[in-house]
């Protein structure tokens, strides 16, 4: 049996720490992923990180013990978008 699709979105830039901005399973997960791709937002496929972050609710800030894992994803996003630290405060997409 195939595992149901899950997705979780992180928001960062205007926040002091990243926070969960959306999460869902099945069709809602597909819509979250499609919307991200439509806006050129990087979509990471990391089952271990998803497992950790899925324990959080929408609006929750990332706890300190998850900073390193989230920082790895954010560093890839910076690199892919040609950004450097500090750019996130003015980045719109």
C-alpha atoms as a PDB file:
ATOM      1  CA  UNK A   1       0.000   0.000   0.000  1.00  0.00           C
ATOM      2  CA  UNK A   2       1.363   3.384  -1.003  1.00  0.00           C
ATOM      3  CA  UNK A   3       1.808   5.984   1.731  1.00  0.00           C
ATOM      4  CA  UNK A   4      -0.476   9.016   1.490  1.00  0.00           C
ATOM      5  CA  UNK A   5       1.140  12.177   0.166  1.00  0.00           C
ATOM      6  CA  UNK A   6       2.079  14.688   2.873  1.00  0.00           C
ATOM      7  CA  UNK A   7       3.309  18.270   2.551  1.00  0.00           C
ATOM      8  CA  UNK A   8       4.401  21.010   4.887  1.00  0.00           C
ATOM      9  CA  UNK A   9       5.282  24.600   4.013  1.00  0.00           C
ATOM     10  CA  UNK A  10       7.719  26.790   5.913  1.00  0.00           C
ATOM     11  CA  UNK A  11       7.634  30.566   5.962  1.00  0.00           C
ATOM     12  CA  UNK A  12      10.771  32.537   6.611  1.00  0.00           C
ATOM     13  CA  UNK A  13      12.095  35.977   5.809  1.00  0.00           C
ATOM     14  CA  UNK A  14       9.921  38.349   7.745  1.00  0.00           C
ATOM     15  CA  UNK A  15       9.937  36.074  10.798  1.00  0.00           C
ATOM     16  CA  UNK A  16      12.655  35.762  13.409  1.00  0.00           C
ATOM     17  CA  UNK A  17      12.533  31.983  12.987  1.00  0.00           C
ATOM     18  CA  UNK A  18      10.933  29.790  10.312  1.00  0.00           C
ATOM     19  CA  UNK A  19       7.368  28.757  11.026  1.00  0.00           C
ATOM     20  CA  UNK A  20       4.896  26.281   9.601  1.00  0.00           C
ATOM     21  CA  UNK A  21       2.623  28.123   7.188  1.00  0.00           C
ATOM     22  CA  UNK A  22       0.679  25.147   5.767  1.00  0.00           C
ATOM     23  CA  UNK A  23       0.457  21.401   6.113  1.00  0.00           C
ATOM     24  CA  UNK A  24      -1.773  18.677   4.828  1.00  0.00           C
ATOM     25  CA  UNK A  25      -2.235  15.182   3.479  1.00  0.00           C
ATOM     26  CA  UNK A  26      -3.681  13.763   0.283  1.00  0.00           C
ATOM     27  CA  UNK A  27      -5.360  16.323  -1.956  1.00  0.00           C
ATOM     28  CA  UNK A  28      -4.454  19.235   0.352  1.00  0.00           C
ATOM     29  CA  UNK A  29      -0.790  18.180   0.198  1.00  0.00           C
ATOM     30  CA  UNK A  30      -0.979  18.085  -3.616  1.00  0.00           C
ATOM     31  CA  UNK A  31      -2.451  21.619  -3.645  1.00  0.00           C
ATOM     32  CA  UNK A  32       0.297  22.907  -1.316  1.00  0.00           C
ATOM     33  CA  UNK A  33       2.989  21.427  -3.585  1.00  0.00           C
ATOM     34  CA  UNK A  34       1.323  22.669  -6.781  1.00  0.00           C
ATOM     35  CA  UNK A  35       0.948  26.181  -5.387  1.00  0.00           C
ATOM     36  CA  UNK A  36       4.593  26.251  -4.300  1.00  0.00           C
ATOM     37  CA  UNK A  37       5.768  25.139  -7.734  1.00  0.00           C
ATOM     38  CA  UNK A  38       3.470  27.654  -9.424  1.00  0.00           C
ATOM     39  CA  UNK A  39       5.223  30.433  -7.490  1.00  0.00           C
ATOM     40  CA  UNK A  40       8.724  29.067  -8.079  1.00  0.00           C
ATOM     41  CA  UNK A  41       9.162  27.993  -4.467  1.00  0.00           C
ATOM     42  CA  UNK A  42      11.668  25.203  -3.893  1.00  0.00           C
ATOM     43  CA  UNK A  43      10.029  21.899  -2.915  1.00  0.00           C
ATOM     44  CA  UNK A  44      12.290  19.572  -0.931  1.00  0.00           C
ATOM     45  CA  UNK A  45      11.522  15.872  -0.622  1.00  0.00           C
ATOM     46  CA  UNK A  46      12.935  14.899   2.744  1.00  0.00           C
ATOM     47  CA  UNK A  47      10.854  12.225   4.537  1.00  0.00           C
ATOM     48  CA  UNK A  48      12.882  12.449   7.763  1.00  0.00           C
ATOM     49  CA  UNK A  49      12.504  16.222   8.013  1.00  0.00           C
ATOM     50  CA  UNK A  50       8.809  15.969   7.137  1.00  0.00           C
ATOM     51  CA  UNK A  51       8.379  13.401   9.898  1.00  0.00           C
ATOM     52  CA  UNK A  52       9.941  15.775  12.433  1.00  0.00           C
ATOM     53  CA  UNK A  53       8.122  18.882  11.247  1.00  0.00           C
ATOM     54  CA  UNK A  54       4.732  17.198  10.872  1.00  0.00           C
ATOM     55  CA  UNK A  55       4.454  17.134  14.671  1.00  0.00           C
ATOM     56  CA  UNK A  56       4.088  20.934  14.546  1.00  0.00           C
ATOM     57  CA  UNK A  57       0.878  22.845  13.872  1.00  0.00           C
ATOM     58  CA  UNK A  58       0.326  25.627  11.349  1.00  0.00           C
ATOM     59  CA  UNK A  59       1.653  28.841  12.886  1.00  0.00           C
ATOM     60  CA  UNK A  60       4.200  27.072  15.116  1.00  0.00           C
ATOM     61  CA  UNK A  61       7.776  28.314  15.007  1.00  0.00           C
ATOM     62  CA  UNK A  62      10.463  25.733  14.343  1.00  0.00           C
ATOM     63  CA  UNK A  63      11.876  24.586  17.696  1.00  0.00           C
ATOM     64  CA  UNK A  64      15.550  25.154  18.347  1.00  0.00           C
ATOM     65  CA  UNK A  65      16.375  21.438  18.174  1.00  0.00           C
ATOM     66  CA  UNK A  66      15.240  21.431  14.509  1.00  0.00           C
ATOM     67  CA  UNK A  67      17.232  24.501  13.416  1.00  0.00           C
ATOM     68  CA  UNK A  68      20.093  22.515  11.877  1.00  0.00           C
ATOM     69  CA  UNK A  69      17.809  20.340   9.745  1.00  0.00           C
ATOM     70  CA  UNK A  70      15.819  23.345   8.528  1.00  0.00           C
ATOM     71  CA  UNK A  71      19.015  25.352   7.935  1.00  0.00           C
ATOM     72  CA  UNK A  72      20.201  22.698   5.473  1.00  0.00           C
ATOM     73  CA  UNK A  73      17.022  23.142   3.412  1.00  0.00           C
ATOM     74  CA  UNK A  74      17.197  26.937   3.647  1.00  0.00           C
ATOM     75  CA  UNK A  75      20.839  26.940   2.537  1.00  0.00           C
ATOM     76  CA  UNK A  76      19.825  25.024  -0.620  1.00  0.00           C
ATOM     77  CA  UNK A  77      17.053  27.542  -1.276  1.00  0.00           C
ATOM     78  CA  UNK A  78      19.497  30.437  -0.904  1.00  0.00           C
ATOM     79  CA  UNK A  79      21.939  28.761  -3.274  1.00  0.00           C
ATOM     80  CA  UNK A  80      19.290  27.870  -5.870  1.00  0.00           C
ATOM     81  CA  UNK A  81      17.913  31.407  -5.895  1.00  0.00           C
ATOM     82  CA  UNK A  82      21.337  33.092  -5.872  1.00  0.00           C
ATOM     83  CA  UNK A  83      20.575  34.687  -2.499  1.00  0.00           C
ATOM     84  CA  UNK A  84      22.821  35.492   0.439  1.00  0.00           C
ATOM     85  CA  UNK A  85      21.967  35.890   4.149  1.00  0.00           C
ATOM     86  CA  UNK A  86      19.859  38.980   4.721  1.00  0.00           C
ATOM     87  CA  UNK A  87      18.215  38.859   1.280  1.00  0.00           C
ATOM     88  CA  UNK A  88      15.244  36.978   2.723  1.00  0.00           C
ATOM     89  CA  UNK A  89      14.002  40.140   4.408  1.00  0.00           C
ATOM     90  CA  UNK A  90      13.279  41.687   1.011  1.00  0.00           C
ATOM     91  CA  UNK A  91      12.597  38.553  -1.053  1.00  0.00           C
ATOM     92  CA  UNK A  92       9.042  38.245  -2.381  1.00  0.00           C
ATOM     93  CA  UNK A  93       8.976  34.804  -3.935  1.00  0.00           C
END
